Amino acid sequence: MSNDAIASPPDTTGGLTPGQLRTIVAACIGNFLEWYEFVLYGYFAAVFATLYFPQEDQSVGLMAAFLVFGISFVIRPIGGLFFGYVGDRFGRKVALSTIILMISFATALMGLVPPYAAIGVAAPVLIFLLRLVQGVSAGGEWMGAVAYIIETSPARRRAWYGSFQTITIVVGMLVAAVVSLLVTSGLDEEQVLAWGWRIPFLVALPLGLIGLYMRMKLAEPEEFVQASGEATATRSPLIAVLRHHWRSVLLVAGLVCSPTMCTYVLLVWGPTFFATELGYADGAARTIGLVGMVVLIGLVPLLARSCDRLGRRPFVLFGSLAVIVTTPIGFLLVHTGNTVVAVLGIALILLGDAMMLAAQPALFAELFPTAQRYSGLAIGYNLGVVLFGGLGPLVAQALVAWSGSSWSPAWYLMGGAVISLIAAVLTPETLGVRLRSGVVAEHA
């Protein structure tokens, strides 16, 4: 490996060299593109339900559309295992570059699939297969970007720089939401169904090629390069994780529960819920979700600064507790039917979500040693997302249909927060830990 392919060691006093800053920006921009493309399907769920899963009962069609959305999360562990191995054995850059290429082609191809009326059952099958490709890709994205950014960041500012990885996910979701709003509000329903919805999906290909170019320019973190050359490095990082760091895997899975449920239930499925169950106009329903994303974008970096001073554990503890307390209040405000009041209700719930998200990148990365970090994150994070978050829209929609109560998603969110609270109680503090060994190994 040539020297120009290696990022210089991070400055432990808190600064970054211009080269390190550029590589972190490149990682974050690629992450933004990845999540714009992945969640776009969720914002056009009603369109997919109509064109690809037609049912007499609209609720059944939506459940079918969100089932495909959820299944793409179920397949994520396969992507996580594969890219975790690639990232730990051959480098973060190889894995991250392959990921952005895969999801961009899959997303663009979704925009070309004819509707059910034209090709019959082949239409939903193709959508399903392409969502699987997206799921495999997404299974390696978050943890790869986290490993890269934290390994490049100064020790005293890991949460701060890691927070930009988190907010680029939200920014990607925000842009996808805005694009879907522009399409649905700028065109009539017939135009949207005929061709309008396809444009945001087709745009994914040129955006993805830009992201690929940027990621091909990435330099491997010096932290990773040094760890790869040590005797502790292993040819089977997955086996090493399961043998020595399974506790960290379970902690990550539990801590992921509440934030990922809040994100996918409130911000991805939420606009559909507000419009179809609570009677909000489509524009108002989308606006509630958009403002919620802006709240997260503003709060997460602010809280991450405090996380670098006060530690990671207080934020996951009080964040999960806050979601338990604020969810009933937030849903009460949402049920008023007033858009402004509903925005306040969602923002209230997202305060606890933001606390947990601020700590996650640094905390999760610090739980694993460098040589097995990508694999450990891939298993733990994807396990949590599959069990709790990815199926969130489907479960929430099914709960509403089964119970007939628009309050049922609130109990679902509170249950997830309880799981994260239990995990937070069991999580050790990782502030200041040496990345090479990880906190659990270091304190074993």
Protein backbone atom coordinates (compact mmCIF):
# COMPACT_ATOMS: atom_id res chain seq x y z
CA MET A 1 0.00 0.00 0.00
CA SER A 2 1.49 3.33 -1.04
CA ASN A 3 1.97 6.12 1.45
CA ASP A 4 -0.37 8.44 -0.40
CA ALA A 5 -3.18 5.99 0.28
CA ILE A 6 -2.82 6.36 4.04
CA ALA A 7 -4.29 9.17 6.09
CA SER A 8 -1.86 10.65 8.62
CA PRO A 9 -2.50 9.97 12.32
CA PRO A 10 -5.16 12.18 13.87
CA ASP A 11 -4.11 15.05 16.07
CA THR A 12 -5.12 14.04 19.59
CA THR A 13 -5.37 17.69 20.65
CA GLY A 14 -8.54 18.11 18.63
CA GLY A 15 -7.51 19.38 15.19
CA LEU A 16 -7.56 17.76 11.77
CA THR A 17 -5.16 18.20 8.91
CA PRO A 18 -6.74 19.51 5.66
CA GLY A 19 -6.33 16.03 4.15
CA GLN A 20 -8.13 14.35 7.03
CA LEU A 21 -10.94 16.88 6.87
CA ARG A 22 -11.39 16.24 3.14
CA THR A 23 -11.59 12.49 3.67
CA ILE A 24 -14.20 12.84 6.43
CA VAL A 25 -16.24 15.15 4.18
CA ALA A 26 -15.99 12.58 1.37
CA ALA A 27 -17.14 9.79 3.67
CA CYS A 28 -20.09 11.87 4.87
CA ILE A 29 -21.15 12.91 1.36
CA GLY A 30 -21.11 9.29 0.25
CA ASN A 31 -23.18 8.44 3.30
CA PHE A 32 -25.66 11.17 2.38
CA LEU A 33 -26.08 9.75 -1.12
CA GLU A 34 -26.51 6.22 0.23
CA TRP A 35 -29.37 7.15 2.52
CA TYR A 36 -31.08 9.48 0.07
CA GLU A 37 -31.34 6.52 -2.28
CA PHE A 38 -32.31 3.97 0.35
CA VAL A 39 -35.22 5.82 1.98
CA LEU A 40 -36.65 7.25 -1.23
CA TYR A 41 -38.82 4.14 -1.50
CA GLY A 42 -40.41 4.88 1.87
CA TYR A 43 -41.54 8.36 0.82
CA PHE A 44 -43.15 6.99 -2.32
CA ALA A 45 -44.72 4.01 -0.51
CA ALA A 46 -48.23 5.08 -1.51
CA VAL A 47 -47.14 5.18 -5.17
CA PHE A 48 -45.59 1.71 -4.96
CA ALA A 49 -48.71 0.41 -3.24
CA THR A 50 -50.83 1.68 -6.13
CA LEU A 51 -48.57 0.68 -9.04
CA TYR A 52 -46.96 -2.53 -7.82
CA PHE A 53 -49.12 -3.89 -4.98
CA PRO A 54 -52.67 -3.02 -6.02
CA GLN A 55 -55.31 -4.06 -3.48
CA GLU A 56 -58.96 -3.20 -2.95
CA ASP A 57 -58.11 -2.18 0.60
CA GLN A 58 -55.60 0.71 0.59
CA SER A 59 -54.28 -0.31 4.00
CA VAL A 60 -53.42 -3.79 2.70
CA GLY A 61 -51.59 -2.30 -0.27
CA LEU A 62 -49.58 -0.04 2.03
CA MET A 63 -48.74 -2.98 4.26
CA ALA A 64 -47.45 -4.87 1.21
CA ALA A 65 -45.34 -1.90 0.16
CA PHE A 66 -43.90 -1.49 3.66
CA LEU A 67 -43.33 -5.25 3.87
CA VAL A 68 -40.93 -4.91 0.94
CA PHE A 69 -39.39 -1.91 2.69
CA GLY A 70 -38.93 -4.01 5.84
CA ILE A 71 -37.57 -7.07 4.03
CA SER A 72 -34.74 -4.97 2.66
CA PHE A 73 -33.69 -4.57 6.29
CA VAL A 74 -33.91 -8.29 6.97
CA ILE A 75 -31.33 -8.90 4.24
CA ARG A 76 -29.00 -6.25 5.66
CA PRO A 77 -27.05 -8.62 7.94
CA ILE A 78 -25.81 -10.47 4.85
CA GLY A 79 -24.43 -7.21 3.49
CA GLY A 80 -23.04 -6.37 6.91
CA LEU A 81 -21.21 -9.69 7.22
CA PHE A 82 -19.78 -9.45 3.71
CA PHE A 83 -18.70 -5.82 3.84
CA GLY A 84 -17.55 -6.19 7.44
CA TYR A 85 -15.14 -8.88 6.31
CA VAL A 86 -14.02 -6.86 3.29
CA GLY A 87 -13.61 -3.69 5.35
CA ASP A 88 -11.57 -5.37 8.12
CA ARG A 89 -9.43 -7.47 5.79
CA PHE A 90 -8.91 -5.27 2.75
CA GLY A 91 -9.71 -1.76 3.90
CA ARG A 92 -12.55 0.66 4.52
CA LYS A 93 -12.15 2.29 1.11
CA VAL A 94 -12.83 -0.87 -0.93
CA ALA A 95 -16.01 -1.64 0.99
CA LEU A 96 -17.40 1.90 0.93
CA SER A 97 -16.73 2.34 -2.80
CA THR A 98 -18.48 -0.92 -3.70
CA ILE A 99 -21.47 -0.04 -1.52
CA ILE A 100 -22.21 3.30 -3.18
CA LEU A 101 -22.00 1.74 -6.64
CA MET A 102 -24.40 -1.10 -5.77
CA ILE A 103 -27.17 1.02 -4.30
CA SER A 104 -26.99 3.66 -7.04
CA PHE A 105 -27.56 1.15 -9.82
CA ALA A 106 -30.31 -0.63 -7.86
CA THR A 107 -32.12 2.64 -7.16
CA ALA A 108 -31.93 3.82 -10.77
CA LEU A 109 -33.22 0.47 -12.02
CA MET A 110 -36.23 0.75 -9.70
CA GLY A 111 -37.17 3.89 -11.59
CA LEU A 112 -37.33 1.83 -14.81
CA VAL A 113 -39.53 -1.07 -13.64
CA PRO A 114 -42.91 -1.12 -15.47
CA PRO A 115 -46.04 -1.20 -13.26
CA TYR A 116 -48.12 -4.26 -12.37
CA ALA A 117 -50.68 -3.31 -15.00
CA ALA A 118 -48.03 -3.69 -17.72
CA ILE A 119 -46.06 -6.81 -16.77
CA GLY A 120 -48.10 -8.40 -14.00
CA VAL A 121 -46.47 -10.16 -11.07
CA ALA A 122 -43.00 -9.58 -12.52
CA ALA A 123 -43.30 -5.92 -11.46
CA PRO A 124 -43.45 -6.44 -7.67
CA VAL A 125 -40.89 -9.25 -7.96
CA LEU A 126 -38.40 -6.90 -9.63
CA ILE A 127 -39.04 -4.19 -7.04
CA PHE A 128 -38.51 -6.79 -4.33
CA LEU A 129 -35.19 -7.98 -5.81
CA LEU A 130 -33.86 -4.46 -6.25
CA ARG A 131 -34.79 -3.62 -2.66
CA LEU A 132 -32.77 -6.68 -1.61
CA VAL A 133 -29.74 -5.27 -3.43
CA GLN A 134 -30.30 -1.96 -1.67
CA GLY A 135 -30.56 -3.81 1.63
CA VAL A 136 -27.28 -5.67 1.11
CA SER A 137 -25.62 -2.37 0.26
CA ALA A 138 -27.06 -0.51 3.24
CA GLY A 139 -25.98 -3.39 5.48
CA GLY A 140 -22.38 -2.26 5.19
CA GLU A 141 -22.75 1.51 4.90
CA TRP A 142 -23.35 2.94 8.37
CA MET A 143 -20.71 0.90 10.15
CA GLY A 144 -18.14 1.42 7.40
CA ALA A 145 -18.56 5.18 7.48
CA VAL A 146 -18.48 5.18 11.29
CA ALA A 147 -15.30 3.08 11.45
CA TYR A 148 -13.62 5.33 8.90
CA ILE A 149 -14.59 8.63 10.52
CA ILE A 150 -13.86 7.64 14.12
CA GLU A 151 -10.49 6.17 13.16
CA THR A 152 -9.59 9.41 11.41
CA SER A 153 -10.87 11.76 14.12
CA PRO A 154 -8.93 13.23 17.09
CA ALA A 155 -9.45 11.26 20.30
CA ARG A 156 -11.04 14.20 22.11
CA ARG A 157 -13.52 14.98 19.35
CA ARG A 158 -14.70 11.58 18.14
CA ALA A 159 -18.35 12.20 19.04
CA TRP A 160 -18.28 15.60 17.33
CA TYR A 161 -16.88 14.34 14.03
CA GLY A 162 -18.91 11.14 14.28
CA SER A 163 -22.08 13.22 14.59
CA PHE A 164 -21.64 14.45 11.02
CA GLN A 165 -21.95 10.87 9.85
CA THR A 166 -25.28 10.70 11.68
CA ILE A 167 -26.66 13.97 10.39
CA THR A 168 -25.72 13.20 6.78
CA ILE A 169 -28.09 10.24 7.09
CA VAL A 170 -30.82 12.64 8.21
CA VAL A 171 -29.85 15.14 5.50
CA GLY A 172 -30.12 12.37 2.91
CA MET A 173 -33.55 11.49 4.25
CA LEU A 174 -34.50 15.17 4.30
CA VAL A 175 -33.52 15.67 0.67
CA ALA A 176 -35.45 12.54 -0.30
CA ALA A 177 -38.47 13.86 1.56
CA VAL A 178 -38.20 17.31 -0.05
CA VAL A 179 -37.83 15.79 -3.51
CA SER A 180 -40.88 13.59 -2.96
CA LEU A 181 -42.82 16.62 -1.73
CA LEU A 182 -41.84 18.65 -4.79
CA VAL A 183 -42.87 15.83 -7.10
CA THR A 184 -46.23 15.17 -5.45
CA SER A 185 -47.11 18.84 -5.01
CA GLY A 186 -45.84 20.03 -8.41
CA LEU A 187 -47.63 17.37 -10.44
CA ASP A 188 -51.16 16.05 -10.41
CA GLU A 189 -51.81 12.49 -9.23
CA GLU A 190 -51.96 11.08 -12.75
CA GLN A 191 -48.59 12.59 -13.68
CA VAL A 192 -47.00 11.38 -10.47
CA LEU A 193 -48.15 7.81 -11.07
CA ALA A 194 -47.31 7.89 -14.78
CA TRP A 195 -43.73 9.22 -14.65
CA GLY A 196 -43.09 11.85 -11.97
CA TRP A 197 -42.10 9.47 -9.16
CA ARG A 198 -39.42 7.90 -11.37
CA ILE A 199 -37.28 11.03 -11.67
CA PRO A 200 -35.82 10.98 -8.12
CA PHE A 201 -34.90 7.32 -8.59
CA LEU A 202 -33.18 7.84 -11.95
CA VAL A 203 -31.18 10.76 -10.57
CA ALA A 204 -29.58 8.30 -8.14
CA LEU A 205 -27.22 6.96 -10.82
CA PRO A 206 -25.31 10.18 -11.63
CA LEU A 207 -25.29 11.08 -7.93
CA GLY A 208 -23.91 7.66 -7.10
CA LEU A 209 -21.14 7.97 -9.67
CA ILE A 210 -20.12 11.25 -8.05
CA GLY A 211 -20.08 9.52 -4.68
CA LEU A 212 -18.02 6.65 -6.11
CA TYR A 213 -15.44 9.10 -7.46
CA MET A 214 -15.15 10.77 -4.06
CA ARG A 215 -14.83 7.50 -2.20
CA MET A 216 -12.17 6.22 -4.58
CA LYS A 217 -10.12 9.21 -3.46
CA LEU A 218 -10.35 8.23 0.22
CA ALA A 219 -7.21 7.39 2.17
CA GLU A 220 -7.14 4.53 4.66
CA PRO A 221 -6.93 5.74 8.30
CA GLU A 222 -3.48 5.27 9.82
CA GLU A 223 -5.20 3.63 12.81
CA PHE A 224 -6.52 0.86 10.55
CA VAL A 225 -3.27 0.46 8.60
CA GLN A 226 -1.23 0.00 11.77
CA ALA A 227 -3.74 -2.43 13.29
CA SER A 228 -3.75 -4.50 10.08
CA GLY A 229 -0.01 -4.98 10.37
CA GLU A 230 -0.01 -6.14 13.98
CA ALA A 231 0.03 -9.73 15.18
CA THR A 232 -3.43 -9.23 16.71
CA ALA A 233 -4.97 -8.85 13.25
CA THR A 234 -6.95 -11.91 12.18
CA ARG A 235 -7.98 -13.48 8.90
CA SER A 236 -11.43 -14.16 10.39
CA PRO A 237 -12.63 -10.94 12.04
CA LEU A 238 -16.18 -12.27 12.27
CA ILE A 239 -15.12 -15.29 14.34
CA ALA A 240 -13.01 -13.06 16.56
CA VAL A 241 -15.97 -10.75 17.16
CA LEU A 242 -18.34 -13.57 18.07
CA ARG A 243 -15.77 -15.20 20.34
CA HIS A 244 -14.41 -12.18 22.18
CA HIS A 245 -16.80 -9.26 21.68
CA TRP A 246 -20.30 -10.76 21.66
CA ARG A 247 -21.29 -8.61 24.65
CA SER A 248 -20.52 -5.49 22.64
CA VAL A 249 -22.57 -6.87 19.74
CA LEU A 250 -25.61 -7.31 22.00
CA LEU A 251 -25.17 -3.88 23.55
CA VAL A 252 -25.04 -2.20 20.14
CA ALA A 253 -28.15 -4.11 19.01
CA GLY A 254 -30.07 -2.96 22.08
CA LEU A 255 -28.87 0.64 21.90
CA VAL A 256 -29.83 0.84 18.21
CA CYS A 257 -33.42 -0.14 18.99
CA SER A 258 -35.00 3.13 20.08
CA PRO A 259 -33.20 5.57 17.73
CA THR A 260 -33.84 3.47 14.64
CA MET A 261 -37.51 2.99 15.59
CA CYS A 262 -37.93 6.74 16.10
CA THR A 263 -36.29 7.45 12.76
CA TYR A 264 -38.23 5.00 10.61
CA VAL A 265 -41.58 5.18 12.39
CA LEU A 266 -41.76 8.95 12.89
CA LEU A 267 -39.82 10.28 9.91
CA VAL A 268 -40.20 7.66 7.15
CA TRP A 269 -43.58 6.08 7.88
CA GLY A 270 -44.84 9.11 9.82
CA PRO A 271 -46.04 11.25 6.88
CA THR A 272 -48.09 8.32 5.57
CA PHE A 273 -49.55 7.79 9.04
CA PHE A 274 -50.38 11.48 9.53
CA ALA A 275 -52.16 11.66 6.18
CA THR A 276 -54.01 8.34 6.11
CA GLU A 277 -54.89 7.90 9.80
CA LEU A 278 -54.97 11.36 11.36
CA GLY A 279 -56.47 13.33 8.50
CA TYR A 280 -53.62 15.75 7.80
CA ALA A 281 -53.31 17.09 4.28
CA ASP A 282 -50.45 15.47 2.36
CA GLY A 283 -48.38 18.67 2.39
CA ALA A 284 -48.90 19.17 6.12
CA ALA A 285 -48.05 15.53 6.85
CA ARG A 286 -44.78 15.80 4.95
CA THR A 287 -43.99 19.14 6.58
CA ILE A 288 -44.20 17.56 10.05
CA GLY A 289 -41.63 14.99 9.03
CA LEU A 290 -39.38 17.57 7.38
CA VAL A 291 -39.30 19.80 10.44
CA GLY A 292 -38.53 16.76 12.58
CA MET A 293 -35.48 16.05 10.44
CA VAL A 294 -34.31 19.66 10.74
CA VAL A 295 -34.61 19.35 14.52
CA LEU A 296 -32.34 16.30 14.49
CA ILE A 297 -29.82 17.98 12.20
CA GLY A 298 -29.60 20.92 14.62
CA LEU A 299 -29.54 18.96 17.87
CA VAL A 300 -27.21 16.03 17.15
CA PRO A 301 -23.93 17.96 16.58
CA LEU A 302 -24.73 20.27 19.49
CA LEU A 303 -25.24 17.34 21.84
CA ALA A 304 -22.19 15.54 20.43
CA ARG A 305 -19.94 18.36 21.64
CA SER A 306 -21.18 17.75 25.17
CA CYS A 307 -20.76 14.02 24.63
CA ASP A 308 -17.02 14.56 24.11
CA ARG A 309 -16.84 16.29 27.50
CA LEU A 310 -19.34 14.39 29.63
CA GLY A 311 -19.08 10.88 28.18
CA ARG A 312 -21.26 8.68 25.99
CA ARG A 313 -23.21 6.75 28.62
CA PRO A 314 -25.29 9.64 30.07
CA PHE A 315 -26.65 10.45 26.62
CA VAL A 316 -27.87 6.95 25.80
CA LEU A 317 -29.30 6.58 29.30
CA PHE A 318 -31.21 9.85 29.47
CA GLY A 319 -32.06 9.76 25.76
CA SER A 320 -33.90 6.45 25.99
CA LEU A 321 -35.61 7.56 29.19
CA ALA A 322 -36.68 10.79 27.50
CA VAL A 323 -38.34 8.88 24.64
CA ILE A 324 -40.34 6.82 27.13
CA VAL A 325 -41.59 9.94 28.89
CA THR A 326 -42.21 12.20 25.87
CA THR A 327 -43.83 9.76 23.43
CA PRO A 328 -47.33 9.85 25.01
CA ILE A 329 -47.15 13.66 25.21
CA GLY A 330 -45.94 13.89 21.62
CA PHE A 331 -48.73 11.66 20.31
CA LEU A 332 -51.28 13.68 22.26
CA LEU A 333 -50.08 16.81 20.47
CA VAL A 334 -50.05 15.06 17.08
CA HIS A 335 -53.66 13.99 17.58
CA THR A 336 -54.83 17.62 17.89
CA GLY A 337 -54.89 17.89 14.10
CA ASN A 338 -52.99 21.19 14.27
CA THR A 339 -49.83 21.09 12.14
CA VAL A 340 -47.82 23.48 14.33
CA VAL A 341 -48.74 21.62 17.51
CA ALA A 342 -47.96 18.29 15.81
CA VAL A 343 -44.51 19.56 14.87
CA LEU A 344 -43.88 20.40 18.53
CA GLY A 345 -45.03 16.92 19.53
CA ILE A 346 -42.67 15.14 17.13
CA ALA A 347 -39.78 17.47 18.08
CA LEU A 348 -40.35 16.61 21.73
CA ILE A 349 -39.94 12.89 21.07
CA LEU A 350 -36.92 13.51 18.84
CA LEU A 351 -35.05 15.27 21.64
CA GLY A 352 -34.34 11.92 23.29
CA ASP A 353 -33.63 10.40 19.89
CA ALA A 354 -31.03 13.12 19.23
CA MET A 355 -29.31 12.44 22.55
CA MET A 356 -28.83 8.79 21.64
CA LEU A 357 -27.78 9.53 18.07
CA ALA A 358 -25.17 12.03 19.27
CA ALA A 359 -23.37 9.32 21.24
CA GLN A 360 -23.80 6.36 18.89
CA PRO A 361 -20.96 6.64 16.33
CA ALA A 362 -18.19 7.20 18.89
CA LEU A 363 -19.66 4.83 21.49
CA PHE A 364 -20.23 1.96 19.10
CA ALA A 365 -16.81 2.28 17.45
CA GLU A 366 -15.07 2.43 20.82
CA LEU A 367 -16.68 -0.83 21.94
CA PHE A 368 -14.64 -2.82 19.38
CA PRO A 369 -10.91 -3.12 18.61
CA THR A 370 -9.74 -1.66 15.31
CA ALA A 371 -8.98 -5.02 13.66
CA GLN A 372 -12.57 -6.23 14.14
CA ARG A 373 -14.43 -2.91 14.30
CA TYR A 374 -16.20 -3.05 10.93
CA SER A 375 -17.36 -6.64 11.50
CA GLY A 376 -18.46 -5.98 15.08
CA LEU A 377 -20.44 -2.92 14.12
CA ALA A 378 -21.96 -4.74 11.14
CA ILE A 379 -23.31 -7.56 13.29
CA GLY A 380 -24.54 -5.47 16.21
CA TYR A 381 -25.98 -2.56 14.26
CA ASN A 382 -27.74 -4.69 11.65
CA LEU A 383 -29.10 -7.03 14.29
CA GLY A 384 -30.69 -4.08 16.07
CA VAL A 385 -32.05 -2.55 12.89
CA VAL A 386 -33.53 -5.83 11.66
CA LEU A 387 -35.16 -6.70 14.97
CA PHE A 388 -36.46 -3.27 15.84
CA GLY A 389 -36.14 -0.51 13.26
CA GLY A 390 -36.34 -1.73 9.69
CA LEU A 391 -39.64 -3.47 10.24
CA GLY A 392 -40.90 -0.46 12.19
CA PRO A 393 -43.13 0.96 9.44
CA LEU A 394 -44.63 -2.47 8.74
CA VAL A 395 -45.21 -3.21 12.43
CA ALA A 396 -46.65 0.24 13.08
CA GLN A 397 -49.00 -0.04 10.08
CA ALA A 398 -50.04 -3.54 11.18
CA LEU A 399 -50.66 -2.37 14.76
CA VAL A 400 -52.93 0.42 13.56
CA ALA A 401 -54.82 -1.95 11.25
CA TRP A 402 -55.13 -4.67 13.91
CA SER A 403 -56.03 -2.48 16.89
CA GLY A 404 -57.95 0.21 15.04
CA SER A 405 -56.15 2.69 17.29
CA SER A 406 -53.93 5.49 16.02
CA TRP A 407 -52.25 5.46 19.44
CA SER A 408 -50.74 2.00 19.02
CA PRO A 409 -47.46 3.23 17.44
CA ALA A 410 -46.77 5.22 20.62
CA TRP A 411 -46.69 2.04 22.70
CA TYR A 412 -44.41 0.47 20.11
CA LEU A 413 -41.94 3.37 20.37
CA MET A 414 -42.02 3.26 24.17
CA GLY A 415 -41.31 -0.48 24.16
CA GLY A 416 -38.28 0.09 21.95
CA ALA A 417 -37.02 2.81 24.28
CA VAL A 418 -37.27 0.43 27.24
CA ILE A 419 -35.02 -2.05 25.42
CA SER A 420 -32.47 0.70 24.70
CA LEU A 421 -32.65 1.86 28.31
CA ILE A 422 -31.78 -1.63 29.57
CA ALA A 423 -28.84 -1.78 27.14
CA ALA A 424 -27.70 1.69 28.23
CA VAL A 425 -27.64 0.63 31.89
CA LEU A 426 -25.34 -2.27 30.95
CA THR A 427 -23.06 -0.22 28.67
CA PRO A 428 -19.63 0.82 29.98
CA GLU A 429 -18.33 4.36 29.51
CA THR A 430 -16.01 4.55 26.49
CA LEU A 431 -14.85 8.17 26.61
CA GLY A 432 -11.08 8.30 26.05
CA VAL A 433 -10.67 4.60 25.30
CA ARG A 434 -7.79 3.50 23.09
CA LEU A 435 -9.24 2.56 19.70
CA ARG A 436 -6.74 -0.19 18.98
CA SER A 437 -8.06 -2.40 21.78
CA GLY A 438 -11.63 -1.19 22.31
CA VAL A 439 -13.21 -0.65 25.71
CA VAL A 440 -14.35 -4.19 26.44
CA ALA A 441 -11.03 -5.76 25.55
CA GLU A 442 -9.19 -3.06 27.42
CA HIS A 443 -11.19 -3.61 30.61
CA ALA A 444 -11.48 -7.40 30.41
